[in-house]
Amino acid sequence: MAHLGFEVGEGFSLLIAFIGYIILITEFSRNKNTLHLFFAYTLLLAGAIATVAESFYLENVFNLVEHAIGMAGAGVAFGIAAFLAHKKIKSLDSGVKRKLGTRKW
């Protein structure tokens, strides 16, 4: 088997990330409320691209990009997206409770 320059698992991870990104772009075009999730997944895809790119050129730079942007940046961005979604759900929940509490049966 010929050496590709990168591990097959890294290429497969990039493929899966790219397919997920296409799905997310489709969802983002319909629902602009997914901006934080879109940003987080963009960082995750950048990390996957850097993982494969480090096998060909500037290994240290792309390794830093993979870990700092792809892993740490995406983790922080996903955390922010989860916090904002939680905040929105709590806001909607309190609004429903308020409406139900004022209704007379």
N, C-alpha and C. Protein backbone atom coordinates (compact mmCIF):
# COMPACT_ATOMS: atom_id res chain seq x y z
N MET A 1 0.84 -1.18 0.00
CA MET A 1 0.00 0.00 0.00
C MET A 1 0.88 1.24 0.00
N ALA A 2 0.57 2.19 -0.83
CA ALA A 2 1.35 3.41 -0.96
C ALA A 2 1.14 4.32 0.24
N HIS A 3 2.18 5.02 0.63
CA HIS A 3 2.08 5.96 1.74
C HIS A 3 1.44 7.24 1.23
N LEU A 4 0.37 7.68 1.90
CA LEU A 4 -0.37 8.86 1.47
C LEU A 4 0.22 10.16 2.00
N GLY A 5 1.09 10.09 2.97
CA GLY A 5 1.63 11.29 3.59
C GLY A 5 0.92 11.62 4.89
N PHE A 6 -0.24 11.05 5.09
CA PHE A 6 -0.99 11.23 6.33
C PHE A 6 -1.66 9.91 6.66
N GLU A 7 -2.11 9.79 7.90
CA GLU A 7 -2.76 8.55 8.31
C GLU A 7 -4.17 8.50 7.75
N VAL A 8 -4.62 7.30 7.42
CA VAL A 8 -5.95 7.12 6.84
C VAL A 8 -7.03 7.60 7.81
N GLY A 9 -6.83 7.40 9.09
CA GLY A 9 -7.79 7.85 10.10
C GLY A 9 -7.97 9.36 10.09
N GLU A 10 -6.88 10.09 9.85
CA GLU A 10 -6.94 11.55 9.78
C GLU A 10 -7.75 11.98 8.56
N GLY A 11 -7.53 11.31 7.44
CA GLY A 11 -8.28 11.62 6.23
C GLY A 11 -9.76 11.29 6.39
N PHE A 12 -10.05 10.18 7.07
CA PHE A 12 -11.44 9.80 7.31
C PHE A 12 -12.11 10.81 8.24
N SER A 13 -11.40 11.28 9.26
CA SER A 13 -11.95 12.30 10.16
C SER A 13 -12.25 13.59 9.41
N LEU A 14 -11.36 13.95 8.50
CA LEU A 14 -11.60 15.14 7.68
C LEU A 14 -12.83 14.96 6.80
N LEU A 15 -12.99 13.79 6.22
CA LEU A 15 -14.15 13.51 5.39
C LEU A 15 -15.45 13.62 6.20
N ILE A 16 -15.47 13.02 7.38
CA ILE A 16 -16.65 13.08 8.24
C ILE A 16 -16.93 14.52 8.66
N ALA A 17 -15.90 15.28 9.02
CA ALA A 17 -16.08 16.68 9.40
C ALA A 17 -16.63 17.49 8.22
N PHE A 18 -16.14 17.22 7.03
CA PHE A 18 -16.60 17.94 5.84
C PHE A 18 -18.06 17.63 5.53
N ILE A 19 -18.45 16.37 5.64
CA ILE A 19 -19.86 15.99 5.41
C ILE A 19 -20.75 16.67 6.44
N GLY A 20 -20.34 16.65 7.70
CA GLY A 20 -21.10 17.34 8.74
C GLY A 20 -21.19 18.83 8.48
N TYR A 21 -20.13 19.41 7.95
CA TYR A 21 -20.11 20.84 7.66
C TYR A 21 -21.11 21.18 6.56
N ILE A 22 -21.21 20.34 5.55
CA ILE A 22 -22.19 20.56 4.49
C ILE A 22 -23.60 20.53 5.06
N ILE A 23 -23.87 19.57 5.93
CA ILE A 23 -25.18 19.49 6.57
C ILE A 23 -25.44 20.74 7.40
N LEU A 24 -24.44 21.21 8.13
CA LEU A 24 -24.60 22.40 8.95
C LEU A 24 -24.81 23.65 8.10
N ILE A 25 -24.14 23.76 6.98
CA ILE A 25 -24.35 24.90 6.08
C ILE A 25 -25.79 24.92 5.58
N THR A 26 -26.31 23.75 5.24
CA THR A 26 -27.70 23.66 4.79
C THR A 26 -28.64 24.13 5.89
N GLU A 27 -28.41 23.69 7.11
CA GLU A 27 -29.25 24.10 8.24
C GLU A 27 -29.09 25.59 8.52
N PHE A 28 -27.86 26.10 8.45
CA PHE A 28 -27.61 27.52 8.71
C PHE A 28 -28.31 28.40 7.68
N SER A 29 -28.39 27.94 6.44
CA SER A 29 -29.06 28.75 5.41
C SER A 29 -30.56 28.85 5.69
N ARG A 30 -31.13 27.87 6.39
CA ARG A 30 -32.55 27.90 6.75
C ARG A 30 -32.81 28.57 8.08
N ASN A 31 -31.88 28.44 9.01
CA ASN A 31 -32.09 28.91 10.36
C ASN A 31 -30.86 29.68 10.82
N LYS A 32 -30.93 30.98 10.80
CA LYS A 32 -29.78 31.82 11.15
C LYS A 32 -29.46 31.78 12.64
N ASN A 33 -30.30 31.16 13.46
CA ASN A 33 -30.05 31.07 14.90
C ASN A 33 -28.93 30.09 15.23
N THR A 34 -28.43 29.38 14.26
CA THR A 34 -27.37 28.40 14.50
C THR A 34 -25.97 28.98 14.27
N LEU A 35 -25.85 30.30 14.33
CA LEU A 35 -24.57 30.96 14.05
C LEU A 35 -23.46 30.47 14.98
N HIS A 36 -23.73 30.34 16.26
CA HIS A 36 -22.68 29.91 17.20
C HIS A 36 -22.25 28.48 16.93
N LEU A 37 -23.20 27.64 16.61
CA LEU A 37 -22.88 26.25 16.27
C LEU A 37 -22.09 26.20 14.96
N PHE A 38 -22.46 27.03 14.00
CA PHE A 38 -21.76 27.12 12.72
C PHE A 38 -20.30 27.54 12.94
N PHE A 39 -20.09 28.54 13.80
CA PHE A 39 -18.74 29.02 14.09
C PHE A 39 -17.91 27.93 14.76
N ALA A 40 -18.50 27.24 15.73
CA ALA A 40 -17.78 26.18 16.44
C ALA A 40 -17.39 25.06 15.49
N TYR A 41 -18.30 24.66 14.62
CA TYR A 41 -18.01 23.57 13.70
C TYR A 41 -16.98 24.01 12.66
N THR A 42 -16.97 25.29 12.31
CA THR A 42 -15.95 25.81 11.39
C THR A 42 -14.56 25.65 12.01
N LEU A 43 -14.43 25.92 13.29
CA LEU A 43 -13.15 25.73 13.98
C LEU A 43 -12.77 24.25 14.01
N LEU A 44 -13.76 23.41 14.23
CA LEU A 44 -13.50 21.96 14.24
C LEU A 44 -13.02 21.49 12.86
N LEU A 45 -13.63 21.98 11.80
CA LEU A 45 -13.20 21.63 10.45
C LEU A 45 -11.79 22.16 10.17
N ALA A 46 -11.50 23.37 10.63
CA ALA A 46 -10.16 23.93 10.46
C ALA A 46 -9.12 23.05 11.14
N GLY A 47 -9.45 22.53 12.29
CA GLY A 47 -8.53 21.62 12.98
C GLY A 47 -8.32 20.33 12.21
N ALA A 48 -9.40 19.80 11.61
CA ALA A 48 -9.27 18.57 10.82
C ALA A 48 -8.42 18.81 9.57
N ILE A 49 -8.59 19.97 8.96
CA ILE A 49 -7.78 20.31 7.78
C ILE A 49 -6.31 20.45 8.19
N ALA A 50 -6.07 21.11 9.32
CA ALA A 50 -4.69 21.29 9.80
C ALA A 50 -4.04 19.96 10.13
N THR A 51 -4.83 19.00 10.62
CA THR A 51 -4.30 17.67 10.95
C THR A 51 -3.72 17.00 9.71
N VAL A 52 -4.43 17.09 8.61
CA VAL A 52 -3.95 16.49 7.36
C VAL A 52 -2.83 17.33 6.77
N ALA A 53 -2.95 18.66 6.84
CA ALA A 53 -1.96 19.54 6.23
C ALA A 53 -0.59 19.42 6.91
N GLU A 54 -0.58 19.13 8.22
CA GLU A 54 0.70 19.05 8.92
C GLU A 54 1.56 17.89 8.41
N SER A 55 0.95 16.94 7.74
CA SER A 55 1.72 15.83 7.18
C SER A 55 2.51 16.25 5.94
N PHE A 56 2.14 17.37 5.34
CA PHE A 56 2.76 17.81 4.09
C PHE A 56 3.65 19.03 4.24
N TYR A 57 3.29 19.96 5.14
CA TYR A 57 3.97 21.24 5.15
C TYR A 57 3.86 21.88 6.53
N LEU A 58 4.90 22.53 7.00
CA LEU A 58 4.92 23.27 8.26
C LEU A 58 4.29 22.49 9.42
N GLU A 59 4.89 21.38 9.73
CA GLU A 59 4.34 20.47 10.73
C GLU A 59 4.06 21.15 12.07
N ASN A 60 4.99 21.95 12.56
CA ASN A 60 4.81 22.59 13.86
C ASN A 60 3.69 23.63 13.84
N VAL A 61 3.60 24.38 12.78
CA VAL A 61 2.56 25.41 12.67
C VAL A 61 1.18 24.77 12.59
N PHE A 62 1.03 23.80 11.73
CA PHE A 62 -0.28 23.16 11.58
C PHE A 62 -0.66 22.32 12.80
N ASN A 63 0.34 21.80 13.51
CA ASN A 63 0.06 21.09 14.75
C ASN A 63 -0.50 22.07 15.80
N LEU A 64 0.08 23.27 15.85
CA LEU A 64 -0.42 24.30 16.76
C LEU A 64 -1.84 24.72 16.37
N VAL A 65 -2.07 24.90 15.07
CA VAL A 65 -3.41 25.26 14.59
C VAL A 65 -4.41 24.17 14.94
N GLU A 66 -4.01 22.93 14.74
CA GLU A 66 -4.89 21.79 15.05
C GLU A 66 -5.32 21.81 16.51
N HIS A 67 -4.38 22.00 17.41
CA HIS A 67 -4.69 21.92 18.83
C HIS A 67 -5.27 23.22 19.39
N ALA A 68 -4.73 24.36 19.00
CA ALA A 68 -5.20 25.63 19.56
C ALA A 68 -6.54 26.05 18.97
N ILE A 69 -6.69 25.93 17.67
CA ILE A 69 -7.92 26.37 17.02
C ILE A 69 -8.90 25.22 16.90
N GLY A 70 -8.43 24.10 16.37
CA GLY A 70 -9.32 22.98 16.09
C GLY A 70 -9.88 22.32 17.33
N MET A 71 -9.08 22.16 18.35
CA MET A 71 -9.57 21.48 19.55
C MET A 71 -9.99 22.47 20.63
N ALA A 72 -9.06 23.32 21.06
CA ALA A 72 -9.38 24.25 22.15
C ALA A 72 -10.40 25.29 21.71
N GLY A 73 -10.19 25.88 20.54
CA GLY A 73 -11.13 26.90 20.05
C GLY A 73 -12.51 26.34 19.82
N ALA A 74 -12.58 25.17 19.21
CA ALA A 74 -13.88 24.55 18.97
C ALA A 74 -14.54 24.16 20.29
N GLY A 75 -13.77 23.69 21.24
CA GLY A 75 -14.33 23.33 22.55
C GLY A 75 -14.94 24.54 23.24
N VAL A 76 -14.22 25.66 23.24
CA VAL A 76 -14.74 26.89 23.84
C VAL A 76 -15.98 27.36 23.08
N ALA A 77 -15.93 27.33 21.75
CA ALA A 77 -17.07 27.79 20.94
C ALA A 77 -18.29 26.89 21.14
N PHE A 78 -18.08 25.57 21.23
CA PHE A 78 -19.21 24.66 21.50
C PHE A 78 -19.77 24.92 22.91
N GLY A 79 -18.90 25.21 23.86
CA GLY A 79 -19.35 25.54 25.21
C GLY A 79 -20.20 26.80 25.23
N ILE A 80 -19.77 27.82 24.51
CA ILE A 80 -20.55 29.06 24.41
C ILE A 80 -21.89 28.80 23.74
N ALA A 81 -21.88 28.02 22.66
CA ALA A 81 -23.12 27.68 21.96
C ALA A 81 -24.08 26.94 22.89
N ALA A 82 -23.55 26.01 23.68
CA ALA A 82 -24.40 25.26 24.63
C ALA A 82 -24.95 26.18 25.71
N PHE A 83 -24.12 27.09 26.22
CA PHE A 83 -24.58 28.03 27.24
C PHE A 83 -25.69 28.93 26.69
N LEU A 84 -25.51 29.45 25.48
CA LEU A 84 -26.52 30.32 24.90
C LEU A 84 -27.82 29.57 24.61
N ALA A 85 -27.71 28.32 24.18
CA ALA A 85 -28.91 27.51 23.96
C ALA A 85 -29.62 27.25 25.28
N HIS A 86 -28.85 26.96 26.33
CA HIS A 86 -29.44 26.74 27.66
C HIS A 86 -30.15 28.01 28.14
N LYS A 87 -29.49 29.14 27.95
CA LYS A 87 -30.06 30.43 28.36
C LYS A 87 -31.37 30.71 27.62
N LYS A 88 -31.40 30.40 26.33
CA LYS A 88 -32.61 30.62 25.53
C LYS A 88 -33.74 29.68 25.99
N ILE A 89 -33.41 28.45 26.27
CA ILE A 89 -34.41 27.49 26.73
C ILE A 89 -34.97 27.92 28.09
N LYS A 90 -34.10 28.36 29.00
CA LYS A 90 -34.55 28.83 30.31
C LYS A 90 -35.47 30.04 30.16
N SER A 91 -35.13 30.93 29.23
CA SER A 91 -35.96 32.11 28.98
C SER A 91 -37.33 31.71 28.44
N LEU A 92 -37.35 30.78 27.50
CA LEU A 92 -38.62 30.31 26.95
C LEU A 92 -39.43 29.59 28.01
N ASP A 93 -38.76 28.80 28.84
CA ASP A 93 -39.42 28.05 29.89
C ASP A 93 -40.06 28.99 30.91
N SER A 94 -39.36 30.03 31.30
CA SER A 94 -39.91 30.97 32.28
C SER A 94 -41.08 31.74 31.69
N GLY A 95 -41.03 32.02 30.39
CA GLY A 95 -42.14 32.69 29.73
C GLY A 95 -43.39 31.82 29.70
N VAL A 96 -43.21 30.53 29.46
CA VAL A 96 -44.34 29.60 29.46
C VAL A 96 -44.92 29.47 30.86
N LYS A 97 -44.05 29.36 31.86
CA LYS A 97 -44.52 29.26 33.24
C LYS A 97 -45.28 30.51 33.66
N ARG A 98 -44.80 31.67 33.22
CA ARG A 98 -45.46 32.93 33.54
C ARG A 98 -46.86 32.97 32.93
N LYS A 99 -46.97 32.54 31.68
CA LYS A 99 -48.28 32.54 31.01
C LYS A 99 -49.22 31.54 31.65
N LEU A 100 -48.72 30.38 32.01
CA LEU A 100 -49.56 29.37 32.65
C LEU A 100 -49.96 29.80 34.05
N GLY A 101 -49.11 30.53 34.73
CA GLY A 101 -49.40 30.96 36.09
C GLY A 101 -50.47 32.04 36.16
N THR A 102 -50.59 32.84 35.10
CA THR A 102 -51.58 33.93 35.11
C THR A 102 -52.92 33.49 34.54
N ARG A 103 -52.99 32.36 33.95
CA ARG A 103 -54.23 31.88 33.35
C ARG A 103 -55.16 31.35 34.44
N LYS A 104 -56.42 31.73 34.35
CA LYS A 104 -57.40 31.26 35.32
C LYS A 104 -58.21 30.14 34.69
N TRP A 105 -58.25 29.03 35.39
CA TRP A 105 -58.94 27.86 34.86
C TRP A 105 -60.32 27.82 35.38
